[in-house]
C-alpha atoms as a PDB file:
ATOM      1  CA  MET A   1       7.172  15.247   4.069  1.00  0.00           C
ATOM      2  CA  LYS A   2       5.778  11.959   3.683  1.00  0.00           C
ATOM      3  CA  THR A   3       7.691   9.394   2.514  1.00  0.00           C
ATOM      4  CA  LYS A   4       6.068   7.336  -0.279  1.00  0.00           C
ATOM      5  CA  VAL A   5       4.672   4.075  -0.093  1.00  0.00           C
ATOM      6  CA  ILE A   6       6.973   1.485  -0.966  1.00  0.00           C
ATOM      7  CA  ILE A   7       5.337  -1.741  -3.427  1.00  0.00           C
ATOM      8  CA  ILE A   8       6.802  -4.475  -3.495  1.00  0.00           C
ATOM      9  CA  ALA A   9       4.844  -6.654  -6.480  1.00  0.00           C
ATOM     10  CA  GLU A  10       5.663 -10.279  -5.476  1.00  0.00           C
ATOM     11  CA  ALA A  11       6.318 -12.300  -8.002  1.00  0.00           C
ATOM     12  CA  GLY A  12       7.061 -15.153  -5.228  1.00  0.00           C
ATOM     13  CA  VAL A  13       7.810 -18.779  -6.974  1.00  0.00           C
ATOM     14  CA  ASN A  14       5.087 -17.590  -9.849  1.00  0.00           C
ATOM     15  CA  HIS A  15       8.254 -18.452 -11.947  1.00  0.00           C
ATOM     16  CA  ASN A  16       7.486 -21.848 -12.159  1.00  0.00           C
ATOM     17  CA  GLY A  17      11.684 -22.637 -11.626  1.00  0.00           C
ATOM     18  CA  SER A  18      12.231 -20.951 -15.426  1.00  0.00           C
ATOM     19  CA  ILE A  19      14.616 -18.014 -15.344  1.00  0.00           C
ATOM     20  CA  GLU A  20      13.201 -16.623 -18.442  1.00  0.00           C
ATOM     21  CA  THR A  21       9.659 -16.703 -16.909  1.00  0.00           C
ATOM     22  CA  ALA A  22      11.119 -14.889 -14.401  1.00  0.00           C
ATOM     23  CA  LYS A  23      12.869 -11.861 -16.456  1.00  0.00           C
ATOM     24  CA  LYS A  24       9.167 -11.640 -17.509  1.00  0.00           C
ATOM     25  CA  LEU A  25       7.982 -11.406 -14.902  1.00  0.00           C
ATOM     26  CA  VAL A  26      10.666  -9.004 -13.544  1.00  0.00           C
ATOM     27  CA  ASP A  27       9.598  -6.605 -17.205  1.00  0.00           C
ATOM     28  CA  ALA A  28       5.920  -6.567 -15.664  1.00  0.00           C
ATOM     29  CA  ALA A  29       7.064  -4.959 -12.775  1.00  0.00           C
ATOM     30  CA  VAL A  30       9.056  -2.538 -14.445  1.00  0.00           C
ATOM     31  CA  ASP A  31       6.173  -1.902 -16.289  1.00  0.00           C
ATOM     32  CA  ALA A  32       3.698  -1.462 -13.587  1.00  0.00           C
ATOM     33  CA  GLY A  33       5.905   1.027 -11.483  1.00  0.00           C
ATOM     34  CA  VAL A  34       6.931  -0.416  -8.610  1.00  0.00           C
ATOM     35  CA  ASP A  35       9.753  -0.483  -6.198  1.00  0.00           C
ATOM     36  CA  TYR A  36      10.768  -3.923  -5.766  1.00  0.00           C
ATOM     37  CA  VAL A  37      10.203  -7.057  -7.444  1.00  0.00           C
ATOM     38  CA  LYS A  38      10.817 -10.199  -5.082  1.00  0.00           C
ATOM     39  CA  PHE A  39      11.240 -13.893  -4.788  1.00  0.00           C
ATOM     40  CA  GLN A  40      11.365 -16.748  -1.932  1.00  0.00           C
ATOM     41  CA  SER A  41      14.912 -18.034  -2.040  1.00  0.00           C
ATOM     42  CA  PHE A  42      14.837 -21.757  -0.558  1.00  0.00           C
ATOM     43  CA  LYS A  43      16.162 -25.296  -0.019  1.00  0.00           C
ATOM     44  CA  ALA A  44      13.036 -27.481  -0.824  1.00  0.00           C
ATOM     45  CA  SER A  45      15.151 -30.305   1.570  1.00  0.00           C
ATOM     46  CA  SER A  46      15.910 -27.405   3.839  1.00  0.00           C
ATOM     47  CA  LEU A  47      12.064 -26.134   4.410  1.00  0.00           C
ATOM     48  CA  VAL A  48       9.936 -28.923   4.506  1.00  0.00           C
ATOM     49  CA  SER A  49      10.635 -32.275   5.579  1.00  0.00           C
ATOM     50  CA  LYS A  50       9.234 -35.567   3.374  1.00  0.00           C
ATOM     51  CA  HIS A  51       6.272 -35.317   5.701  1.00  0.00           C
ATOM     52  CA  ALA A  52       5.367 -31.929   5.127  1.00  0.00           C
ATOM     53  CA  VAL A  53       1.271 -31.929   3.266  1.00  0.00           C
ATOM     54  CA  LYS A  54       0.326 -29.302   0.524  1.00  0.00           C
ATOM     55  CA  ALA A  55      -2.305 -26.586   2.234  1.00  0.00           C
ATOM     56  CA  ALA A  56      -5.769 -27.341   1.222  1.00  0.00           C
ATOM     57  CA  TYR A  57      -4.918 -24.277  -2.199  1.00  0.00           C
ATOM     58  CA  GLN A  58      -1.751 -25.425  -3.050  1.00  0.00           C
ATOM     59  CA  LYS A  59      -3.466 -28.559  -3.652  1.00  0.00           C
ATOM     60  CA  ALA A  60      -6.289 -27.379  -5.859  1.00  0.00           C
ATOM     61  CA  GLN A  61      -3.776 -25.759  -7.759  1.00  0.00           C
ATOM     62  CA  THR A  62      -1.357 -28.371  -8.312  1.00  0.00           C
ATOM     63  CA  ASP A  63      -0.564 -31.776  -8.755  1.00  0.00           C
ATOM     64  CA  SER A  64      -2.839 -33.664  -5.709  1.00  0.00           C
ATOM     65  CA  THR A  65      -0.438 -36.875  -5.895  1.00  0.00           C
ATOM     66  CA  GLU A  66       2.980 -34.899  -5.089  1.00  0.00           C
ATOM     67  CA  SER A  67       4.023 -33.674  -1.669  1.00  0.00           C
ATOM     68  CA  GLN A  68       5.075 -30.231  -0.895  1.00  0.00           C
ATOM     69  CA  LEU A  69       8.659 -31.195  -1.202  1.00  0.00           C
ATOM     70  CA  GLU A  70       8.245 -32.324  -4.383  1.00  0.00           C
ATOM     71  CA  MET A  71       6.102 -29.343  -5.524  1.00  0.00           C
ATOM     72  CA  LEU A  72       9.091 -27.277  -4.148  1.00  0.00           C
ATOM     73  CA  GLN A  73      11.509 -28.888  -5.546  1.00  0.00           C
ATOM     74  CA  LYS A  74      10.022 -27.919  -9.102  1.00  0.00           C
ATOM     75  CA  LEU A  75      10.524 -23.843  -7.623  1.00  0.00           C
ATOM     76  CA  GLU A  76      13.169 -23.912  -6.803  1.00  0.00           C
ATOM     77  CA  LEU A  77      15.797 -20.582  -7.840  1.00  0.00           C
ATOM     78  CA  SER A  78      19.679 -21.002  -8.049  1.00  0.00           C
ATOM     79  CA  GLU A  79      22.303 -19.488  -6.696  1.00  0.00           C
ATOM     80  CA  ALA A  80      23.025 -18.577 -10.601  1.00  0.00           C
ATOM     81  CA  ASP A  81      19.527 -17.742 -10.640  1.00  0.00           C
ATOM     82  CA  HIS A  82      19.362 -15.256  -8.141  1.00  0.00           C
ATOM     83  CA  TYR A  83      22.636 -13.253  -9.978  1.00  0.00           C
ATOM     84  CA  ASP A  84      21.221 -13.626 -12.909  1.00  0.00           C
ATOM     85  CA  LEU A  85      18.091 -11.786 -11.570  1.00  0.00           C
ATOM     86  CA  LEU A  86      19.998  -9.704  -9.101  1.00  0.00           C
ATOM     87  CA  LYS A  87      22.191  -8.635 -12.136  1.00  0.00           C
ATOM     88  CA  TYR A  88      19.231  -7.975 -14.885  1.00  0.00           C
ATOM     89  CA  CYS A  89      16.416  -6.308 -11.756  1.00  0.00           C
ATOM     90  CA  GLN A  90      19.695  -3.556 -12.205  1.00  0.00           C
ATOM     91  CA  PHE A  91      19.696  -3.274 -15.742  1.00  0.00           C
ATOM     92  CA  LYS A  92      16.431  -2.518 -15.202  1.00  0.00           C
ATOM     93  CA  GLN A  93      16.879   0.228 -13.012  1.00  0.00           C
ATOM     94  CA  ILE A  94      14.497  -2.290 -10.575  1.00  0.00           C
ATOM     95  CA  LYS A  95      14.950  -2.969  -6.977  1.00  0.00           C
ATOM     96  CA  PHE A  96      15.709  -6.889  -6.452  1.00  0.00           C
ATOM     97  CA  LEU A  97      14.001  -8.155  -3.238  1.00  0.00           C
ATOM     98  CA  SER A  98      13.903 -11.909  -2.252  1.00  0.00           C
ATOM     99  CA  THR A  99      12.444 -13.890   0.915  1.00  0.00           C
ATOM    100  CA  ALA A 100      14.562 -16.648   2.428  1.00  0.00           C
ATOM    101  CA  PHE A 101      13.034 -19.538   4.077  1.00  0.00           C
ATOM    102  CA  ASP A 102      15.742 -20.921   5.444  1.00  0.00           C
ATOM    103  CA  ILE A 103      19.110 -20.569   6.903  1.00  0.00           C
ATOM    104  CA  GLU A 104      21.448 -21.398   4.488  1.00  0.00           C
ATOM    105  CA  SER A 105      19.519 -18.950   1.618  1.00  0.00           C
ATOM    106  CA  ILE A 106      19.704 -16.254   3.845  1.00  0.00           C
ATOM    107  CA  ASP A 107      23.668 -16.601   3.486  1.00  0.00           C
ATOM    108  CA  LEU A 108      23.018 -16.716  -0.334  1.00  0.00           C
ATOM    109  CA  LEU A 109      20.849 -13.022  -0.026  1.00  0.00           C
ATOM    110  CA  LYS A 110      23.236 -11.672   2.052  1.00  0.00           C
ATOM    111  CA  SER A 111      26.529 -12.746  -0.249  1.00  0.00           C
ATOM    112  CA  LEU A 112      24.627 -10.877  -3.105  1.00  0.00           C
ATOM    113  CA  GLY A 113      25.064  -7.598  -1.158  1.00  0.00           C
ATOM    114  CA  MET A 114      21.119  -7.391  -0.155  1.00  0.00           C
ATOM    115  CA  THR A 115      20.924  -5.341   3.254  1.00  0.00           C
ATOM    116  CA  LEU A 116      16.727  -5.271   3.280  1.00  0.00           C
ATOM    117  CA  GLY A 117      15.773  -9.189   4.279  1.00  0.00           C
ATOM    118  CA  LYS A 118      12.127 -10.315   4.651  1.00  0.00           C
ATOM    119  CA  ILE A 119      10.319 -12.529   7.278  1.00  0.00           C
ATOM    120  CA  PRO A 120       8.083 -14.805   5.761  1.00  0.00           C
ATOM    121  CA  SER A 121       4.695 -15.389   7.997  1.00  0.00           C
ATOM    122  CA  GLY A 122       5.652 -19.028   8.352  1.00  0.00           C
ATOM    123  CA  GLU A 123       9.150 -17.582  10.158  1.00  0.00           C
ATOM    124  CA  MET A 124       7.837 -15.665  12.664  1.00  0.00           C
ATOM    125  CA  THR A 125       7.965 -18.714  15.179  1.00  0.00           C
ATOM    126  CA  ASN A 126      11.064 -19.377  14.462  1.00  0.00           C
ATOM    127  CA  LEU A 127      14.293 -18.106  16.471  1.00  0.00           C
ATOM    128  CA  PRO A 128      17.111 -19.594  14.798  1.00  0.00           C
ATOM    129  CA  TYR A 129      16.232 -18.177  12.063  1.00  0.00           C
ATOM    130  CA  LEU A 130      15.018 -14.608  13.263  1.00  0.00           C
ATOM    131  CA  ARG A 131      18.671 -13.943  14.961  1.00  0.00           C
ATOM    132  CA  LYS A 132      20.229 -15.335  11.795  1.00  0.00           C
ATOM    133  CA  MET A 133      17.965 -12.179   9.810  1.00  0.00           C
ATOM    134  CA  ALA A 134      18.714  -9.606  12.297  1.00  0.00           C
ATOM    135  CA  ALA A 135      22.639 -10.407  12.246  1.00  0.00           C
ATOM    136  CA  SER A 136      22.899 -10.686   8.209  1.00  0.00           C
ATOM    137  CA  PHE A 137      20.283  -7.622   7.361  1.00  0.00           C
ATOM    138  CA  PRO A 138      19.985  -3.359   8.950  1.00  0.00           C
ATOM    139  CA  LYS A 139      17.074  -3.461   7.950  1.00  0.00           C
ATOM    140  CA  ILE A 140      13.713  -5.967   8.204  1.00  0.00           C
ATOM    141  CA  ILE A 141      10.306  -5.911   6.859  1.00  0.00           C
ATOM    142  CA  PHE A 142       8.277  -8.881   8.385  1.00  0.00           C
ATOM    143  CA  SER A 143       4.658 -10.486   7.101  1.00  0.00           C
ATOM    144  CA  THR A 144       2.457 -11.099  10.504  1.00  0.00           C
ATOM    145  CA  GLY A 145       0.399 -13.712   8.802  1.00  0.00           C
ATOM    146  CA  MET A 146      -1.961 -16.581  11.106  1.00  0.00           C
ATOM    147  CA  CYS A 147      -0.120 -14.437  14.386  1.00  0.00           C
ATOM    148  CA  SER A 148      -1.086 -12.818  17.261  1.00  0.00           C
ATOM    149  CA  MET A 149      -0.270  -9.135  18.706  1.00  0.00           C
ATOM    150  CA  GLU A 150       1.925 -11.780  21.336  1.00  0.00           C
ATOM    151  CA  ASP A 151       4.048 -13.619  18.112  1.00  0.00           C
ATOM    152  CA  ILE A 152       4.351  -9.710  16.955  1.00  0.00           C
ATOM    153  CA  GLN A 153       6.126  -9.225  20.221  1.00  0.00           C
ATOM    154  CA  ASN A 154       7.872 -11.723  20.363  1.00  0.00           C
ATOM    155  CA  THR A 155       9.326 -11.605  16.894  1.00  0.00           C
ATOM    156  CA  TYR A 156       9.888  -7.680  17.879  1.00  0.00           C
ATOM    157  CA  ASP A 157      11.326  -8.904  20.985  1.00  0.00           C
ATOM    158  CA  VAL A 158      14.004 -11.531  19.004  1.00  0.00           C
ATOM    159  CA  LEU A 159      14.912  -8.557  16.871  1.00  0.00           C
ATOM    160  CA  ILE A 160      15.812  -5.926  19.129  1.00  0.00           C
ATOM    161  CA  LYS A 161      17.747  -7.997  21.792  1.00  0.00           C
ATOM    162  CA  GLU A 162      19.300  -9.002  18.450  1.00  0.00           C
ATOM    163  CA  GLY A 163      20.439  -5.132  17.318  1.00  0.00           C
ATOM    164  CA  THR A 164      18.263  -4.566  14.533  1.00  0.00           C
ATOM    165  CA  ARG A 165      17.254  -0.159  15.489  1.00  0.00           C
ATOM    166  CA  PRO A 166      13.436  -0.081  15.674  1.00  0.00           C
ATOM    167  CA  GLU A 167      13.602   2.507  13.464  1.00  0.00           C
ATOM    168  CA  ASN A 168      14.507  -0.051  10.682  1.00  0.00           C
ATOM    169  CA  ILE A 169      11.721  -2.376  11.290  1.00  0.00           C
ATOM    170  CA  THR A 170       8.635  -2.742   9.324  1.00  0.00           C
ATOM    171  CA  VAL A 171       5.561  -4.702  10.456  1.00  0.00           C
ATOM    172  CA  LEU A 172       3.572  -5.901   7.831  1.00  0.00           C
ATOM    173  CA  HIS A 173      -0.106  -6.715   8.638  1.00  0.00           C
ATOM    174  CA  CYS A 174      -1.345  -9.780   6.307  1.00  0.00           C
ATOM    175  CA  ASN A 175      -3.393 -13.115   7.064  1.00  0.00           C
ATOM    176  CA  THR A 176      -1.955 -16.092   5.200  1.00  0.00           C
ATOM    177  CA  GLU A 177      -4.971 -17.708   2.877  1.00  0.00           C
ATOM    178  CA  TYR A 178      -4.347 -17.709  -0.495  1.00  0.00           C
ATOM    179  CA  PRO A 179      -7.150 -15.479  -1.847  1.00  0.00           C
ATOM    180  CA  THR A 180      -7.760 -13.865   1.801  1.00  0.00           C
ATOM    181  CA  PRO A 181     -11.734 -13.879   2.743  1.00  0.00           C
ATOM    182  CA  MET A 182     -13.234 -10.098   2.697  1.00  0.00           C
ATOM    183  CA  GLN A 183     -14.076 -10.762   6.604  1.00  0.00           C
ATOM    184  CA  ASP A 184     -10.645 -11.915   7.711  1.00  0.00           C
ATOM    185  CA  VAL A 185      -8.743  -8.846   6.081  1.00  0.00           C
ATOM    186  CA  HIS A 186      -9.183  -6.925   9.832  1.00  0.00           C
ATOM    187  CA  LEU A 187      -7.427  -4.031   8.143  1.00  0.00           C
ATOM    188  CA  LYS A 188      -7.844  -1.828  10.812  1.00  0.00           C
ATOM    189  CA  ALA A 189      -5.346  -4.564  12.662  1.00  0.00           C
ATOM    190  CA  MET A 190      -2.825  -2.437  10.884  1.00  0.00           C
ATOM    191  CA  ASN A 191      -2.970   0.546  12.858  1.00  0.00           C
ATOM    192  CA  THR A 192      -3.231  -1.225  15.781  1.00  0.00           C
ATOM    193  CA  ILE A 193       0.149  -2.791  15.454  1.00  0.00           C
ATOM    194  CA  ARG A 194       1.824   0.897  14.746  1.00  0.00           C
ATOM    195  CA  GLU A 195       0.703   2.567  18.037  1.00  0.00           C
ATOM    196  CA  GLN A 196       1.706  -1.062  20.250  1.00  0.00           C
ATOM    197  CA  PHE A 197       4.633  -1.326  18.723  1.00  0.00           C
ATOM    198  CA  ASN A 198       5.234   2.417  17.262  1.00  0.00           C
ATOM    199  CA  VAL A 199       7.295   1.449  14.567  1.00  0.00           C
ATOM    200  CA  ASN A 200       6.925   1.527  10.099  1.00  0.00           C
ATOM    201  CA  VAL A 201       3.849  -0.878   9.021  1.00  0.00           C
ATOM    202  CA  GLY A 202       2.134  -1.493   6.157  1.00  0.00           C
ATOM    203  CA  TYR A 203       0.571  -4.445   4.313  1.00  0.00           C
ATOM    204  CA  SER A 204       1.268  -7.709   2.972  1.00  0.00           C
ATOM    205  CA  ASP A 205      -2.219  -9.134   0.884  1.00  0.00           C
ATOM    206  CA  HIS A 206      -3.693 -11.996  -0.517  1.00  0.00           C
ATOM    207  CA  THR A 207      -7.241 -10.672  -1.142  1.00  0.00           C
ATOM    208  CA  LEU A 208      -8.659 -11.216  -4.815  1.00  0.00           C
ATOM    209  CA  GLY A 209      -8.045  -8.040  -6.592  1.00  0.00           C
ATOM    210  CA  ILE A 210      -6.742  -4.457  -5.567  1.00  0.00           C
ATOM    211  CA  GLU A 211      -9.036  -2.199  -3.235  1.00  0.00           C
ATOM    212  CA  ILE A 212      -8.131  -3.585  -0.363  1.00  0.00           C
ATOM    213  CA  PRO A 213      -4.228  -3.054  -0.400  1.00  0.00           C
ATOM    214  CA  ILE A 214      -5.785   0.666  -1.687  1.00  0.00           C
ATOM    215  CA  ALA A 215      -8.032   1.181   1.745  1.00  0.00           C
ATOM    216  CA  ALA A 216      -4.334  -0.108   3.547  1.00  0.00           C
ATOM    217  CA  VAL A 217      -2.737   3.244   2.102  1.00  0.00           C
ATOM    218  CA  ALA A 218      -5.216   5.769   3.187  1.00  0.00           C
ATOM    219  CA  LEU A 219      -4.799   3.923   6.532  1.00  0.00           C
ATOM    220  CA  GLY A 220      -1.700   4.795   6.391  1.00  0.00           C
ATOM    221  CA  ALA A 221       0.741   1.533   5.379  1.00  0.00           C
ATOM    222  CA  CYS A 222       4.345   2.658   4.573  1.00  0.00           C
ATOM    223  CA  VAL A 223       4.991  -1.079   2.615  1.00  0.00           C
ATOM    224  CA  ILE A 224       2.260  -2.922  -0.007  1.00  0.00           C
ATOM    225  CA  GLU A 225       3.165  -6.320  -1.432  1.00  0.00           C
ATOM    226  CA  LYS A 226       0.936  -8.377  -3.699  1.00  0.00           C
ATOM    227  CA  HIS A 227       1.426 -10.929  -5.694  1.00  0.00           C
ATOM    228  CA  PHE A 228       0.773 -10.814  -9.232  1.00  0.00           C
ATOM    229  CA  THR A 229       1.979 -13.691 -12.188  1.00  0.00           C
ATOM    230  CA  LEU A 230       1.837 -13.228 -15.463  1.00  0.00           C
ATOM    231  CA  ASP A 231      -1.205 -15.686 -15.926  1.00  0.00           C
ATOM    232  CA  LYS A 232      -3.636 -16.259 -14.005  1.00  0.00           C
ATOM    233  CA  ASN A 233      -4.233 -19.490 -15.130  1.00  0.00           C
ATOM    234  CA  ALA A 234      -0.663 -20.987 -15.252  1.00  0.00           C
ATOM    235  CA  LYS A 235       0.207 -23.950 -12.983  1.00  0.00           C
ATOM    236  CA  GLY A 236       0.852 -23.445  -9.823  1.00  0.00           C
ATOM    237  CA  PRO A 237       0.553 -23.315  -5.953  1.00  0.00           C
ATOM    238  CA  ASP A 238      -0.147 -18.406  -5.313  1.00  0.00           C
ATOM    239  CA  HIS A 239      -1.147 -18.169  -9.658  1.00  0.00           C
ATOM    240  CA  LYS A 240      -4.836 -17.492  -8.932  1.00  0.00           C
ATOM    241  CA  ALA A 241      -4.426 -15.532  -5.213  1.00  0.00           C
ATOM    242  CA  SER A 242      -2.383 -12.703  -7.799  1.00  0.00           C
ATOM    243  CA  LEU A 243      -2.655  -9.901 -10.435  1.00  0.00           C
ATOM    244  CA  GLU A 244      -2.110  -9.850 -13.640  1.00  0.00           C
ATOM    245  CA  PRO A 245       0.310  -7.607 -15.072  1.00  0.00           C
ATOM    246  CA  ALA A 246      -2.769  -5.027 -16.033  1.00  0.00           C
ATOM    247  CA  ASP A 247      -4.376  -5.041 -13.146  1.00  0.00           C
ATOM    248  CA  LEU A 248      -0.671  -5.165 -10.793  1.00  0.00           C
ATOM    249  CA  LYS A 249      -0.346  -0.948 -13.162  1.00  0.00           C
ATOM    250  CA  ALA A 250      -3.931  -0.617 -12.496  1.00  0.00           C
ATOM    251  CA  MET A 251      -2.662  -0.525  -7.968  1.00  0.00           C
ATOM    252  CA  VAL A 252      -0.082   0.595  -7.907  1.00  0.00           C
ATOM    253  CA  SER A 253      -1.789   3.933 -10.452  1.00  0.00           C
ATOM    254  CA  ALA A 254      -4.568   3.892  -7.566  1.00  0.00           C
ATOM    255  CA  ILE A 255      -1.573   3.934  -4.724  1.00  0.00           C
ATOM    256  CA  ARG A 256       0.729   6.638  -6.289  1.00  0.00           C
ATOM    257  CA  ASN A 257      -3.092   8.549  -6.280  1.00  0.00           C
ATOM    258  CA  ILE A 258      -4.400   7.979  -3.488  1.00  0.00           C
ATOM    259  CA  GLU A 259      -0.769   9.447  -2.008  1.00  0.00           C
ATOM    260  CA  LEU A 260      -1.355  12.887  -3.811  1.00  0.00           C
ATOM    261  CA  ALA A 261      -4.952  12.881  -2.127  1.00  0.00           C
ATOM    262  CA  LEU A 262      -3.648  11.949   1.750  1.00  0.00           C
ATOM    263  CA  GLY A 263      -1.871  15.294   1.224  1.00  0.00           C
ATOM    264  CA  SER A 264      -2.476  17.787   3.814  1.00  0.00           C
ATOM    265  CA  THR A 265      -3.947  17.941   8.021  1.00  0.00           C
ATOM    266  CA  VAL A 266      -4.298  20.882   7.033  1.00  0.00           C
ATOM    267  CA  LYS A 267      -7.679  22.288   5.075  1.00  0.00           C
ATOM    268  CA  GLN A 268      -7.391  25.637   3.324  1.00  0.00           C
ATOM    269  CA  MET A 269      -8.397  26.234   0.038  1.00  0.00           C
ATOM    270  CA  SER A 270      -6.550  24.708  -2.617  1.00  0.00           C
ATOM    271  CA  ALA A 271      -5.395  26.118  -5.790  1.00  0.00           C
ATOM    272  CA  SER A 272      -7.279  24.568  -7.836  1.00  0.00           C
ATOM    273  CA  GLU A 273     -10.394  25.428  -6.422  1.00  0.00           C
ATOM    274  CA  GLU A 274      -9.832  28.904  -5.467  1.00  0.00           C
ATOM    275  CA  LYS A 275     -11.040  30.515  -9.279  1.00  0.00           C
ATOM    276  CA  ASN A 276     -13.941  28.933  -8.823  1.00  0.00           C
ATOM    277  CA  LYS A 277     -14.386  30.465  -5.086  1.00  0.00           C
ATOM    278  CA  THR A 278     -15.752  33.770  -6.207  1.00  0.00           C
ATOM    279  CA  ILE A 279     -18.379  31.482  -9.139  1.00  0.00           C
ATOM    280  CA  ALA A 280     -19.812  29.151  -5.898  1.00  0.00           C
ATOM    281  CA  ARG A 281     -20.417  31.441  -3.505  1.00  0.00           C
ATOM    282  CA  LYS A 282     -23.133  34.062  -2.961  1.00  0.00           C
ATOM    283  CA  SER A 283     -22.885  38.288  -2.242  1.00  0.00           C
ATOM    284  CA  LEU A 284     -26.065  40.142  -1.097  1.00  0.00           C
ATOM    285  CA  VAL A 285     -27.762  41.527  -3.771  1.00  0.00           C
ATOM    286  CA  ALA A 286     -31.302  43.466  -4.063  1.00  0.00           C
ATOM    287  CA  LYS A 287     -34.246  41.398  -4.284  1.00  0.00           C
ATOM    288  CA  TRP A 288     -35.732  44.203  -5.959  1.00  0.00           C
ATOM    289  CA  PRO A 289     -35.157  47.790  -7.075  1.00  0.00           C
ATOM    290  CA  ILE A 290     -34.421  49.807  -3.777  1.00  0.00           C
ATOM    291  CA  ASN A 291     -34.824  53.668  -3.627  1.00  0.00           C
ATOM    292  CA  LYS A 292     -31.759  55.805  -2.170  1.00  0.00           C
ATOM    293  CA  GLY A 293     -32.805  56.051   1.303  1.00  0.00           C
ATOM    294  CA  GLU A 294     -34.347  53.012   2.161  1.00  0.00           C
ATOM    295  CA  ILE A 295     -33.364  51.235   5.102  1.00  0.00           C
ATOM    296  CA  PHE A 296     -31.777  47.260   3.623  1.00  0.00           C
ATOM    297  CA  THR A 297     -34.483  44.497   5.249  1.00  0.00           C
ATOM    298  CA  GLU A 298     -34.995  40.774   5.013  1.00  0.00           C
ATOM    299  CA  GLU A 299     -37.762  41.616   2.470  1.00  0.00           C
ATOM    300  CA  ASN A 300     -35.524  43.179   0.199  1.00  0.00           C
ATOM    301  CA  ILE A 301     -31.991  42.157   0.125  1.00  0.00           C
ATOM    302  CA  THR A 302     -30.744  38.538  -0.955  1.00  0.00           C
ATOM    303  CA  ALA A 303     -27.935  35.925  -1.149  1.00  0.00           C
ATOM    304  CA  LYS A 304     -26.896  35.106  -5.172  1.00  0.00           C
ATOM    305  CA  ARG A 305     -23.928  34.330  -6.867  1.00  0.00           C
ATOM    306  CA  PRO A 306     -21.451  35.002  -7.625  1.00  0.00           C
ATOM    307  CA  GLY A 307     -19.618  35.886  -4.673  1.00  0.00           C
ATOM    308  CA  ASP A 308     -18.049  39.565  -5.422  1.00  0.00           C
ATOM    309  CA  GLY A 309     -19.898  41.580  -3.832  1.00  0.00           C
ATOM    310  CA  ILE A 310     -20.338  41.601   0.425  1.00  0.00           C
ATOM    311  CA  SER A 311     -20.621  37.829   2.163  1.00  0.00           C
ATOM    312  CA  PRO A 312     -23.256  36.517   3.270  1.00  0.00           C
ATOM    313  CA  MET A 313     -21.803  36.120   6.508  1.00  0.00           C
ATOM    314  CA  PHE A 314     -22.101  39.807   7.158  1.00  0.00           C
ATOM    315  CA  ILE A 315     -25.471  40.128   6.159  1.00  0.00           C
ATOM    316  CA  ASP A 316     -26.045  41.647   9.815  1.00  0.00           C
ATOM    317  CA  ASP A 317     -24.127  44.314   9.301  1.00  0.00           C
ATOM    318  CA  VAL A 318     -25.998  45.642   6.374  1.00  0.00           C
ATOM    319  CA  LEU A 319     -29.228  44.840   8.252  1.00  0.00           C
ATOM    320  CA  GLY A 320     -31.206  48.384   8.795  1.00  0.00           C
ATOM    321  CA  LYS A 321     -28.531  50.767   6.902  1.00  0.00           C
ATOM    322  CA  ILE A 322     -29.521  53.420   4.491  1.00  0.00           C
ATOM    323  CA  ALA A 323     -28.918  52.796   0.633  1.00  0.00           C
ATOM    324  CA  LYS A 324     -26.248  55.452  -0.543  1.00  0.00           C
ATOM    325  CA  GLN A 325     -27.824  55.042  -3.855  1.00  0.00           C
ATOM    326  CA  ASN A 326     -30.322  53.259  -6.030  1.00  0.00           C
ATOM    327  CA  PHE A 327     -29.772  49.946  -6.618  1.00  0.00           C
ATOM    328  CA  GLU A 328     -31.287  47.227  -9.616  1.00  0.00           C
ATOM    329  CA  ALA A 329     -32.867  44.070  -9.706  1.00  0.00           C
ATOM    330  CA  ASP A 330     -29.819  41.356  -8.170  1.00  0.00           C
ATOM    331  CA  GLN A 331     -27.437  44.507  -8.508  1.00  0.00           C
ATOM    332  CA  PRO A 332     -24.490  44.229  -5.226  1.00  0.00           C
ATOM    333  CA  ILE A 333     -25.364  45.749  -2.437  1.00  0.00           C
ATOM    334  CA  VAL A 334     -22.433  48.551  -1.099  1.00  0.00           C
ATOM    335  CA  LEU A 335     -23.045  50.379   1.410  1.00  0.00           C
END
């Protein structure tokens, strides 16, 4: 039986530093029916230097006069916030997840009892970080925005060398632009990753809308990650490229429908359509009245619905035979 697609609702920093807003995001994730709600764990001073500039999309959605460091300091969750959110998720019966962006935050998440670690795209070339992640969490998901196949290979090799089992690695195809232009998604690359590394694959989406994650599931993604917010117009770096709760719920519903629709690899008649077989298929019938003793020919028999008689597939077995009774027009042929 195919394993259910894991859907991760990425709250990220869309709480804007408010634990109350973070809990409202948890509520929205629960209502949408996702598997995990994910936040971001970092100490801004450990993540960026005072010289780090903001990305263009960050400048557009935040105070353009502040540095990246100043922006991120407003978005930090404290250690107490993490414990509070974990307990709240447990109460709401949804799995808590967070992405660690520095060594200290890895230790914090491990202390919370997490066994699944999420590596963000920006840390794919951070060897000390990768080693720490492999040592801290038995299961690893990593995103591959801005990465080449060589970068993925390097990260994979580090994780394996440090003891992560291949079956516990999931690689998410990803593009690190917010929002991602459709022509830059290259969704087929997800399957290239699966084929080359023989790992579970998924997709971390930054496009607008919900169609690309749905398409990824149809292509075989086993994990979907998608940013969401309470308000796309709120101030903050990620709100604009995030789904609002109603759209998140619609995405989850569509993914679950796609899972059902993918079904079996065996082509066969389903239970739901079997009742329509007789109605939709045809049988051999008399085209016009046929007298007993006449020969069945292509001129005096034809195929019409319903399909409760001799199938037209067996017409060759009928042609040339002698009618053993009289037939009215449209009467099913019997031998």
